[in-house]
Amino acid sequence: MANQTRTRARKRRHMRVRRKVSGTAMRPRLNVYRSLKNIGVQVIDDQAGHTIVSASTLEAGLQEVLADKLKVDQAKEIGKVVAERAKAAGIEQVVFDRGGYRYHGRVKAVADGSREGGLVF
């Protein structure tokens, strides 16, 4: 029961953030999804309604790079990977969507990693 309430509260916070944060073709939205074990990041153009690039700890190609790292370090690495992919797709600037999570820990690590990778937000 507590988990449903926690999830519902996060979704409510996310919808509050999403009222103000929207991605365009020139400045797409960098969305973060965090579970207990994994983290996923997408760069989304909301006007066109599609994902431009994404990265996740579940990707087979990243498993060996992330193998012996802590979850915060994995999140930072995922931020760098998504930044590289976004730069390759011609994206320099994004708006950060924390997904209803606190800007803290793994969510902050994704933001820091993507800034190190060259994204501006």
C-alpha atoms as a PDB file:
ATOM      1  CA  MET A   1       0.000   0.000   0.000  1.00  0.00           C
ATOM      2  CA  ALA A   2       2.777   2.451   0.860  1.00  0.00           C
ATOM      3  CA  ASN A   3       4.469   1.726  -2.476  1.00  0.00           C
ATOM      4  CA  GLN A   4       1.316   2.661  -4.403  1.00  0.00           C
ATOM      5  CA  THR A   5       1.066   5.909  -2.483  1.00  0.00           C
ATOM      6  CA  ARG A   6       4.752   6.688  -3.084  1.00  0.00           C
ATOM      7  CA  THR A   7       4.430   5.953  -6.803  1.00  0.00           C
ATOM      8  CA  ARG A   8       1.248   7.994  -7.071  1.00  0.00           C
ATOM      9  CA  ALA A   9       2.926  10.922  -5.283  1.00  0.00           C
ATOM     10  CA  ARG A  10       5.918  10.760  -7.656  1.00  0.00           C
ATOM     11  CA  LYS A  11       3.627  10.746 -10.683  1.00  0.00           C
ATOM     12  CA  ARG A  12       1.751  13.730  -9.272  1.00  0.00           C
ATOM     13  CA  ARG A  13       5.060  15.605  -8.804  1.00  0.00           C
ATOM     14  CA  HIS A  14       6.126  14.602 -12.312  1.00  0.00           C
ATOM     15  CA  MET A  15       2.921  15.962 -13.818  1.00  0.00           C
ATOM     16  CA  ARG A  16       3.457  19.222 -11.899  1.00  0.00           C
ATOM     17  CA  VAL A  17       6.944  19.506 -13.410  1.00  0.00           C
ATOM     18  CA  ARG A  18       5.675  18.525 -16.872  1.00  0.00           C
ATOM     19  CA  ARG A  19       3.182  21.404 -16.908  1.00  0.00           C
ATOM     20  CA  LYS A  20       6.144  23.757 -17.123  1.00  0.00           C
ATOM     21  CA  VAL A  21       8.799  21.616 -18.845  1.00  0.00           C
ATOM     22  CA  SER A  22       8.294  20.663 -22.479  1.00  0.00           C
ATOM     23  CA  GLY A  23      10.825  19.640 -25.098  1.00  0.00           C
ATOM     24  CA  THR A  24      11.057  21.141 -28.570  1.00  0.00           C
ATOM     25  CA  ALA A  25      13.115  20.155 -31.594  1.00  0.00           C
ATOM     26  CA  MET A  26      15.635  22.896 -30.786  1.00  0.00           C
ATOM     27  CA  ARG A  27      15.722  22.160 -27.049  1.00  0.00           C
ATOM     28  CA  PRO A  28      14.411  18.660 -26.230  1.00  0.00           C
ATOM     29  CA  ARG A  29      13.601  17.318 -22.787  1.00  0.00           C
ATOM     30  CA  LEU A  30      16.137  15.127 -20.929  1.00  0.00           C
ATOM     31  CA  ASN A  31      13.940  12.728 -18.954  1.00  0.00           C
ATOM     32  CA  VAL A  32      15.188  10.517 -16.106  1.00  0.00           C
ATOM     33  CA  TYR A  33      13.554   7.306 -14.920  1.00  0.00           C
ATOM     34  CA  ARG A  34      14.933   5.649 -11.799  1.00  0.00           C
ATOM     35  CA  SER A  35      14.086   2.243 -10.382  1.00  0.00           C
ATOM     36  CA  LEU A  36      15.664   0.514  -7.420  1.00  0.00           C
ATOM     37  CA  LYS A  37      18.316  -1.218  -9.545  1.00  0.00           C
ATOM     38  CA  ASN A  38      18.482   0.645 -12.852  1.00  0.00           C
ATOM     39  CA  ILE A  39      18.304   4.090 -14.387  1.00  0.00           C
ATOM     40  CA  GLY A  40      17.160   5.182 -17.821  1.00  0.00           C
ATOM     41  CA  VAL A  41      17.511   8.497 -19.630  1.00  0.00           C
ATOM     42  CA  GLN A  42      15.737   9.713 -22.772  1.00  0.00           C
ATOM     43  CA  VAL A  43      16.034  12.867 -24.858  1.00  0.00           C
ATOM     44  CA  ILE A  44      12.492  13.585 -26.053  1.00  0.00           C
ATOM     45  CA  ASP A  45      11.007  15.994 -28.599  1.00  0.00           C
ATOM     46  CA  ASP A  46       7.510  16.537 -27.184  1.00  0.00           C
ATOM     47  CA  GLN A  47       6.239  18.481 -30.201  1.00  0.00           C
ATOM     48  CA  ALA A  48       6.949  15.591 -32.574  1.00  0.00           C
ATOM     49  CA  GLY A  49       6.163  13.060 -29.855  1.00  0.00           C
ATOM     50  CA  HIS A  50       9.213  10.840 -30.196  1.00  0.00           C
ATOM     51  CA  THR A  51      12.425   9.901 -28.415  1.00  0.00           C
ATOM     52  CA  ILE A  52      15.575  11.153 -30.130  1.00  0.00           C
ATOM     53  CA  VAL A  53      18.215   9.263 -28.101  1.00  0.00           C
ATOM     54  CA  SER A  54      18.247   7.154 -24.949  1.00  0.00           C
ATOM     55  CA  ALA A  55      20.574   5.266 -22.631  1.00  0.00           C
ATOM     56  CA  SER A  56      19.960   2.795 -19.824  1.00  0.00           C
ATOM     57  CA  THR A  57      21.860   0.572 -17.423  1.00  0.00           C
ATOM     58  CA  LEU A  58      19.972  -2.345 -18.996  1.00  0.00           C
ATOM     59  CA  GLU A  59      21.712  -1.985 -22.380  1.00  0.00           C
ATOM     60  CA  ALA A  60      23.865  -4.971 -23.264  1.00  0.00           C
ATOM     61  CA  GLY A  61      26.685  -2.818 -24.674  1.00  0.00           C
ATOM     62  CA  LEU A  62      27.061  -0.897 -21.412  1.00  0.00           C
ATOM     63  CA  GLN A  63      26.936  -3.853 -19.014  1.00  0.00           C
ATOM     64  CA  GLU A  64      30.701  -4.456 -18.937  1.00  0.00           C
ATOM     65  CA  VAL A  65      31.478  -0.736 -18.506  1.00  0.00           C
ATOM     66  CA  LEU A  66      29.067  -0.450 -15.566  1.00  0.00           C
ATOM     67  CA  ALA A  67      29.776  -3.847 -13.978  1.00  0.00           C
ATOM     68  CA  ASP A  68      31.764  -2.956 -10.853  1.00  0.00           C
ATOM     69  CA  LYS A  69      30.514   0.581 -10.254  1.00  0.00           C
ATOM     70  CA  LEU A  70      28.212   1.951  -7.592  1.00  0.00           C
ATOM     71  CA  LYS A  71      24.721   3.030  -8.704  1.00  0.00           C
ATOM     72  CA  VAL A  72      25.607   6.729  -8.474  1.00  0.00           C
ATOM     73  CA  ASP A  73      28.681   6.168 -10.661  1.00  0.00           C
ATOM     74  CA  GLN A  74      26.581   4.148 -13.110  1.00  0.00           C
ATOM     75  CA  ALA A  75      24.115   7.028 -13.307  1.00  0.00           C
ATOM     76  CA  LYS A  76      26.913   9.495 -14.044  1.00  0.00           C
ATOM     77  CA  GLU A  77      28.218   7.208 -16.786  1.00  0.00           C
ATOM     78  CA  ILE A  78      24.718   6.931 -18.292  1.00  0.00           C
ATOM     79  CA  GLY A  79      24.551  10.746 -18.307  1.00  0.00           C
ATOM     80  CA  LYS A  80      27.821  10.906 -20.247  1.00  0.00           C
ATOM     81  CA  VAL A  81      26.633   8.254 -22.730  1.00  0.00           C
ATOM     82  CA  VAL A  82      23.339  10.027 -23.427  1.00  0.00           C
ATOM     83  CA  ALA A  83      25.238  13.320 -23.855  1.00  0.00           C
ATOM     84  CA  GLU A  84      27.533  11.725 -26.451  1.00  0.00           C
ATOM     85  CA  ARG A  85      24.561  10.280 -28.316  1.00  0.00           C
ATOM     86  CA  ALA A  86      22.724  13.601 -28.196  1.00  0.00           C
ATOM     87  CA  LYS A  87      25.762  15.481 -29.496  1.00  0.00           C
ATOM     88  CA  ALA A  88      26.000  12.962 -32.352  1.00  0.00           C
ATOM     89  CA  ALA A  89      22.330  13.681 -33.147  1.00  0.00           C
ATOM     90  CA  GLY A  90      23.095  17.419 -33.242  1.00  0.00           C
ATOM     91  CA  ILE A  91      21.620  18.356 -29.860  1.00  0.00           C
ATOM     92  CA  GLU A  92      23.511  20.890 -27.747  1.00  0.00           C
ATOM     93  CA  GLN A  93      20.854  22.196 -25.325  1.00  0.00           C
ATOM     94  CA  VAL A  94      18.177  20.355 -23.359  1.00  0.00           C
ATOM     95  CA  VAL A  95      15.692  21.021 -20.572  1.00  0.00           C
ATOM     96  CA  PHE A  96      16.113  18.716 -17.592  1.00  0.00           C
ATOM     97  CA  ASP A  97      13.090  16.714 -16.438  1.00  0.00           C
ATOM     98  CA  ARG A  98      13.830  15.045 -13.112  1.00  0.00           C
ATOM     99  CA  GLY A  99      10.733  12.862 -13.434  1.00  0.00           C
ATOM    100  CA  GLY A 100       9.243  13.716 -10.051  1.00  0.00           C
ATOM    101  CA  TYR A 101      12.351  12.524  -8.216  1.00  0.00           C
ATOM    102  CA  ARG A 102      14.411  14.741  -5.932  1.00  0.00           C
ATOM    103  CA  TYR A 103      17.408  16.410  -7.568  1.00  0.00           C
ATOM    104  CA  HIS A 104      19.716  14.351  -5.422  1.00  0.00           C
ATOM    105  CA  GLY A 105      21.841  11.206  -5.652  1.00  0.00           C
ATOM    106  CA  ARG A 106      21.468   9.315  -8.925  1.00  0.00           C
ATOM    107  CA  VAL A 107      19.284  11.949 -10.587  1.00  0.00           C
ATOM    108  CA  LYS A 108      21.882  14.629  -9.844  1.00  0.00           C
ATOM    109  CA  ALA A 109      24.631  12.265 -11.063  1.00  0.00           C
ATOM    110  CA  VAL A 110      22.858  11.886 -14.424  1.00  0.00           C
ATOM    111  CA  ALA A 111      22.648  15.679 -14.715  1.00  0.00           C
ATOM    112  CA  ASP A 112      26.322  16.110 -13.800  1.00  0.00           C
ATOM    113  CA  GLY A 113      27.407  13.376 -16.220  1.00  0.00           C
ATOM    114  CA  SER A 114      25.442  14.854 -19.101  1.00  0.00           C
ATOM    115  CA  ARG A 115      26.872  18.312 -18.374  1.00  0.00           C
ATOM    116  CA  GLU A 116      30.373  16.798 -18.429  1.00  0.00           C
ATOM    117  CA  GLY A 117      29.444  15.171 -21.748  1.00  0.00           C
ATOM    118  CA  GLY A 118      28.718  18.617 -23.190  1.00  0.00           C
ATOM    119  CA  LEU A 119      24.960  19.168 -22.854  1.00  0.00           C
ATOM    120  CA  VAL A 120      23.817  22.600 -21.727  1.00  0.00           C
ATOM    121  CA  PHE A 121      20.825  23.063 -19.401  1.00  0.00           C
END
